[in-house]
Amino acid sequence: MSLSLSIPVFLTLWWLVFLSILPLGVVSHAEAGVDPGDGGDPAAPVDPKLRRKLLTATWISMALFAVIWLVMYFHLIQLPPLRLQD
């Protein structure tokens, strides 16, 4: 897999994983019984733990990318050649 294909594949995997784990473990102000203050949204998370979720998304996407890279490197799945139409 070339570098020009590897970067978009990894970034797509990373965003997919990040957006999938983003809502996990979130407690809103209303659920926690905390006053959000003036103009605050009661549904806003108290502590979203973004740093932990960024690192988790990075590790999971690196593992998934390694599997995809190994499958492509050892030709475990044959992709058909790209045919351009005239």
N, C-alpha and C. Protein backbone atom coordinates (compact mmCIF):
# COMPACT_ATOMS: atom_id res chain seq x y z
N MET A 1 0.85 -1.16 0.00
CA MET A 1 0.00 0.00 0.00
C MET A 1 0.90 1.23 0.00
N SER A 2 0.65 2.13 -0.92
CA SER A 2 1.50 3.30 -1.04
C SER A 2 1.17 4.33 0.05
N LEU A 3 2.07 5.27 0.22
CA LEU A 3 1.87 6.31 1.23
C LEU A 3 0.68 7.20 0.88
N SER A 4 0.48 7.44 -0.41
CA SER A 4 -0.65 8.28 -0.83
C SER A 4 -2.00 7.61 -0.59
N LEU A 5 -2.02 6.31 -0.41
CA LEU A 5 -3.24 5.60 -0.05
C LEU A 5 -3.31 5.35 1.45
N SER A 6 -2.17 5.17 2.09
CA SER A 6 -2.14 4.86 3.51
C SER A 6 -2.65 6.01 4.37
N ILE A 7 -2.27 7.22 4.04
CA ILE A 7 -2.67 8.38 4.85
C ILE A 7 -4.19 8.56 4.85
N PRO A 8 -4.86 8.59 3.70
CA PRO A 8 -6.32 8.74 3.75
C PRO A 8 -7.03 7.57 4.43
N VAL A 9 -6.51 6.36 4.26
CA VAL A 9 -7.13 5.20 4.91
C VAL A 9 -7.02 5.34 6.42
N PHE A 10 -5.83 5.71 6.91
CA PHE A 10 -5.65 5.87 8.35
C PHE A 10 -6.52 7.00 8.90
N LEU A 11 -6.55 8.13 8.22
CA LEU A 11 -7.36 9.25 8.70
C LEU A 11 -8.85 8.93 8.70
N THR A 12 -9.30 8.21 7.71
CA THR A 12 -10.71 7.80 7.68
C THR A 12 -11.02 6.85 8.82
N LEU A 13 -10.13 5.90 9.06
CA LEU A 13 -10.31 4.98 10.19
C LEU A 13 -10.31 5.74 11.51
N TRP A 14 -9.39 6.69 11.66
CA TRP A 14 -9.28 7.44 12.90
C TRP A 14 -10.55 8.21 13.20
N TRP A 15 -11.08 8.92 12.20
CA TRP A 15 -12.31 9.68 12.40
C TRP A 15 -13.49 8.77 12.69
N LEU A 16 -13.55 7.66 12.02
CA LEU A 16 -14.64 6.71 12.25
C LEU A 16 -14.60 6.18 13.68
N VAL A 17 -13.43 5.80 14.14
CA VAL A 17 -13.28 5.29 15.50
C VAL A 17 -13.54 6.41 16.51
N PHE A 18 -12.99 7.60 16.28
CA PHE A 18 -13.17 8.71 17.21
C PHE A 18 -14.64 9.08 17.37
N LEU A 19 -15.34 9.20 16.26
CA LEU A 19 -16.76 9.56 16.34
C LEU A 19 -17.60 8.43 16.93
N SER A 20 -17.11 7.20 16.85
CA SER A 20 -17.82 6.07 17.44
C SER A 20 -17.67 6.04 18.96
N ILE A 21 -16.48 6.39 19.47
CA ILE A 21 -16.27 6.32 20.91
C ILE A 21 -16.56 7.64 21.62
N LEU A 22 -16.82 8.69 20.88
CA LEU A 22 -17.05 10.00 21.48
C LEU A 22 -18.20 10.02 22.49
N PRO A 23 -19.34 9.40 22.23
CA PRO A 23 -20.42 9.47 23.22
C PRO A 23 -20.29 8.50 24.39
N LEU A 24 -19.30 7.62 24.39
CA LEU A 24 -19.18 6.63 25.46
C LEU A 24 -18.74 7.27 26.78
N GLY A 25 -19.43 6.94 27.85
CA GLY A 25 -19.06 7.40 29.18
C GLY A 25 -19.33 8.86 29.47
N VAL A 26 -20.18 9.51 28.68
CA VAL A 26 -20.46 10.92 28.87
C VAL A 26 -21.64 11.08 29.82
N VAL A 27 -21.47 11.97 30.80
CA VAL A 27 -22.54 12.29 31.75
C VAL A 27 -22.87 13.77 31.57
N SER A 28 -24.15 14.07 31.32
CA SER A 28 -24.55 15.46 31.12
C SER A 28 -24.72 16.16 32.46
N HIS A 29 -24.81 17.50 32.41
CA HIS A 29 -25.05 18.28 33.62
C HIS A 29 -26.37 17.88 34.27
N ALA A 30 -27.38 17.64 33.44
CA ALA A 30 -28.69 17.27 33.97
C ALA A 30 -28.64 15.91 34.67
N GLU A 31 -27.92 14.95 34.08
CA GLU A 31 -27.81 13.62 34.69
C GLU A 31 -27.00 13.66 35.99
N ALA A 32 -26.00 14.54 36.04
CA ALA A 32 -25.15 14.63 37.22
C ALA A 32 -25.77 15.51 38.30
N GLY A 33 -26.81 16.26 37.93
CA GLY A 33 -27.45 17.16 38.90
C GLY A 33 -26.64 18.41 39.16
N VAL A 34 -25.81 18.82 38.21
CA VAL A 34 -24.96 19.99 38.34
C VAL A 34 -25.59 21.15 37.59
N ASP A 35 -25.54 22.35 38.17
CA ASP A 35 -26.07 23.53 37.50
C ASP A 35 -25.10 23.95 36.40
N PRO A 36 -25.56 24.03 35.13
CA PRO A 36 -24.65 24.39 34.04
C PRO A 36 -24.25 25.86 34.05
N GLY A 37 -24.87 26.67 34.87
CA GLY A 37 -24.55 28.09 34.91
C GLY A 37 -25.39 28.88 33.92
N ASP A 38 -25.14 30.17 33.87
CA ASP A 38 -25.91 31.05 32.98
C ASP A 38 -25.61 30.74 31.52
N GLY A 39 -26.63 30.40 30.78
CA GLY A 39 -26.49 30.16 29.35
C GLY A 39 -25.91 28.80 29.00
N GLY A 40 -25.64 27.98 29.98
CA GLY A 40 -25.09 26.65 29.70
C GLY A 40 -26.19 25.67 29.33
N ASP A 41 -25.85 24.72 28.52
CA ASP A 41 -26.82 23.71 28.10
C ASP A 41 -26.81 22.56 29.10
N PRO A 42 -27.98 22.18 29.63
CA PRO A 42 -28.01 21.07 30.59
C PRO A 42 -27.58 19.74 29.97
N ALA A 43 -27.62 19.61 28.66
CA ALA A 43 -27.23 18.36 28.01
C ALA A 43 -25.74 18.32 27.69
N ALA A 44 -25.01 19.40 27.97
CA ALA A 44 -23.57 19.41 27.71
C ALA A 44 -22.86 18.49 28.69
N PRO A 45 -21.82 17.79 28.25
CA PRO A 45 -21.13 16.87 29.14
C PRO A 45 -20.39 17.59 30.26
N VAL A 46 -20.37 16.97 31.42
CA VAL A 46 -19.65 17.54 32.56
C VAL A 46 -18.15 17.42 32.31
N ASP A 47 -17.67 16.24 31.99
CA ASP A 47 -16.26 16.00 31.70
C ASP A 47 -16.19 15.05 30.49
N PRO A 48 -15.97 15.58 29.28
CA PRO A 48 -16.00 14.72 28.08
C PRO A 48 -14.79 13.79 27.96
N LYS A 49 -13.71 14.03 28.70
CA LYS A 49 -12.49 13.20 28.66
C LYS A 49 -11.96 13.06 27.23
N LEU A 50 -11.79 14.20 26.57
CA LEU A 50 -11.37 14.19 25.17
C LEU A 50 -9.96 13.66 24.97
N ARG A 51 -9.04 13.97 25.87
CA ARG A 51 -7.66 13.50 25.70
C ARG A 51 -7.62 11.96 25.70
N ARG A 52 -8.35 11.36 26.63
CA ARG A 52 -8.39 9.90 26.70
C ARG A 52 -9.03 9.31 25.44
N LYS A 53 -10.08 9.97 24.95
CA LYS A 53 -10.75 9.46 23.75
C LYS A 53 -9.90 9.64 22.50
N LEU A 54 -9.12 10.73 22.44
CA LEU A 54 -8.20 10.92 21.31
C LEU A 54 -7.14 9.82 21.29
N LEU A 55 -6.58 9.53 22.45
CA LEU A 55 -5.56 8.47 22.52
C LEU A 55 -6.16 7.10 22.22
N THR A 56 -7.35 6.85 22.73
CA THR A 56 -8.01 5.57 22.46
C THR A 56 -8.30 5.41 20.97
N ALA A 57 -8.79 6.47 20.35
CA ALA A 57 -9.07 6.42 18.91
C ALA A 57 -7.79 6.18 18.12
N THR A 58 -6.70 6.77 18.57
CA THR A 58 -5.42 6.59 17.87
C THR A 58 -4.94 5.15 17.96
N TRP A 59 -4.98 4.55 19.15
CA TRP A 59 -4.52 3.17 19.31
C TRP A 59 -5.39 2.18 18.55
N ILE A 60 -6.70 2.37 18.63
CA ILE A 60 -7.61 1.45 17.93
C ILE A 60 -7.41 1.55 16.42
N SER A 61 -7.29 2.81 15.91
CA SER A 61 -7.12 2.96 14.46
C SER A 61 -5.76 2.45 13.99
N MET A 62 -4.74 2.56 14.83
CA MET A 62 -3.44 2.00 14.46
C MET A 62 -3.53 0.47 14.35
N ALA A 63 -4.24 -0.16 15.26
CA ALA A 63 -4.39 -1.62 15.21
C ALA A 63 -5.19 -2.03 13.98
N LEU A 64 -6.29 -1.34 13.70
CA LEU A 64 -7.10 -1.65 12.52
C LEU A 64 -6.31 -1.40 11.23
N PHE A 65 -5.55 -0.31 11.21
CA PHE A 65 -4.75 -0.02 10.02
C PHE A 65 -3.68 -1.08 9.81
N ALA A 66 -3.08 -1.58 10.89
CA ALA A 66 -2.07 -2.64 10.77
C ALA A 66 -2.68 -3.89 10.15
N VAL A 67 -3.89 -4.23 10.56
CA VAL A 67 -4.56 -5.39 9.97
C VAL A 67 -4.82 -5.16 8.47
N ILE A 68 -5.32 -3.99 8.13
CA ILE A 68 -5.59 -3.68 6.72
C ILE A 68 -4.29 -3.70 5.91
N TRP A 69 -3.22 -3.13 6.48
CA TRP A 69 -1.95 -3.11 5.78
C TRP A 69 -1.42 -4.52 5.55
N LEU A 70 -1.51 -5.37 6.57
CA LEU A 70 -1.04 -6.75 6.42
C LEU A 70 -1.85 -7.51 5.38
N VAL A 71 -3.14 -7.29 5.35
CA VAL A 71 -3.99 -7.95 4.35
C VAL A 71 -3.59 -7.50 2.95
N MET A 72 -3.33 -6.22 2.79
CA MET A 72 -2.94 -5.71 1.48
C MET A 72 -1.52 -6.16 1.10
N TYR A 73 -0.61 -6.17 2.07
CA TYR A 73 0.78 -6.53 1.80
C TYR A 73 0.93 -7.99 1.39
N PHE A 74 0.23 -8.88 2.08
CA PHE A 74 0.33 -10.30 1.79
C PHE A 74 -0.72 -10.77 0.77
N HIS A 75 -1.45 -9.85 0.18
CA HIS A 75 -2.44 -10.15 -0.86
C HIS A 75 -3.45 -11.20 -0.41
N LEU A 76 -3.94 -11.05 0.81
CA LEU A 76 -4.93 -11.99 1.33
C LEU A 76 -6.30 -11.75 0.68
N ILE A 77 -6.52 -10.54 0.23
CA ILE A 77 -7.72 -10.21 -0.54
C ILE A 77 -7.27 -9.60 -1.85
N GLN A 78 -7.68 -10.19 -2.95
CA GLN A 78 -7.29 -9.69 -4.26
C GLN A 78 -8.30 -8.63 -4.72
N LEU A 79 -7.81 -7.46 -4.99
CA LEU A 79 -8.66 -6.40 -5.52
C LEU A 79 -8.58 -6.43 -7.04
N PRO A 80 -9.70 -6.21 -7.72
CA PRO A 80 -9.65 -6.23 -9.18
C PRO A 80 -8.88 -5.00 -9.69
N PRO A 81 -8.23 -5.14 -10.83
CA PRO A 81 -7.50 -3.99 -11.38
C PRO A 81 -8.46 -2.88 -11.79
N LEU A 82 -8.00 -1.68 -11.67
CA LEU A 82 -8.80 -0.52 -12.04
C LEU A 82 -8.81 -0.38 -13.57
N ARG A 83 -10.01 -0.38 -14.12
CA ARG A 83 -10.16 -0.24 -15.57
C ARG A 83 -10.74 1.12 -15.87
N LEU A 84 -10.02 1.88 -16.65
CA LEU A 84 -10.49 3.19 -17.05
C LEU A 84 -11.27 3.07 -18.34
N GLN A 85 -12.41 3.76 -18.38
CA GLN A 85 -13.21 3.69 -19.60
C GLN A 85 -12.76 4.79 -20.56
N ASP A 86 -12.88 4.49 -21.84
CA ASP A 86 -12.46 5.47 -22.86
C ASP A 86 -13.52 6.53 -23.03
